């Protein structure tokens, strides 16, 4: 992996994106969205993850994060590993019309990788970008919160339930957020 895409500053705030393999629109069912929300809250409580902004889109998750306890690299690694297992388990038991197709896709994504035993839900990497200036922070906040508007899911960012735009608009969101 390139040195460019690593968490270099243990005290830094980073913008990261976790993307589903093949950019599959996985997060279309509430059960799958709840898995991500629950897992992020767990990482906050148990791993010291600070979430400054977030937005769960159908095929990816944007985060602006920092950590006072564990390294961000290990938190994201564990988050992806845990959610991969939970999501595949949920796909297998829920009433999902794309069940067989999803399972085959995630099997194929991990097929040639020795470190993957069954399924690969997330693409490798997350391209962390250190936020060093207020203008860069504002640019990333706007990008994260406007994602559902640009995708024509909602008209206003704060109308999107699975985003911290609600918190920034004074509406309590699903995940505790440390406003920047």
Foldseek 3Di string as FASTA:
>chain_A
DDPQQDDDDQAFKKKWKWFWVVLAQQPPDPVLLVLLLVLVQCCVVPVQKAWQKWFDGRTMIITTIHGPGDGPVVSVVVSQVVSFVVSLVCLVPDPDPCSVVVQVRQQVVCVPPPVDDGGHTIDPGTRIDTDDDPVVVVVSRCCRQCVCCVVVVDVGSLVDQRICVVVVVVHDHSHDHDHD
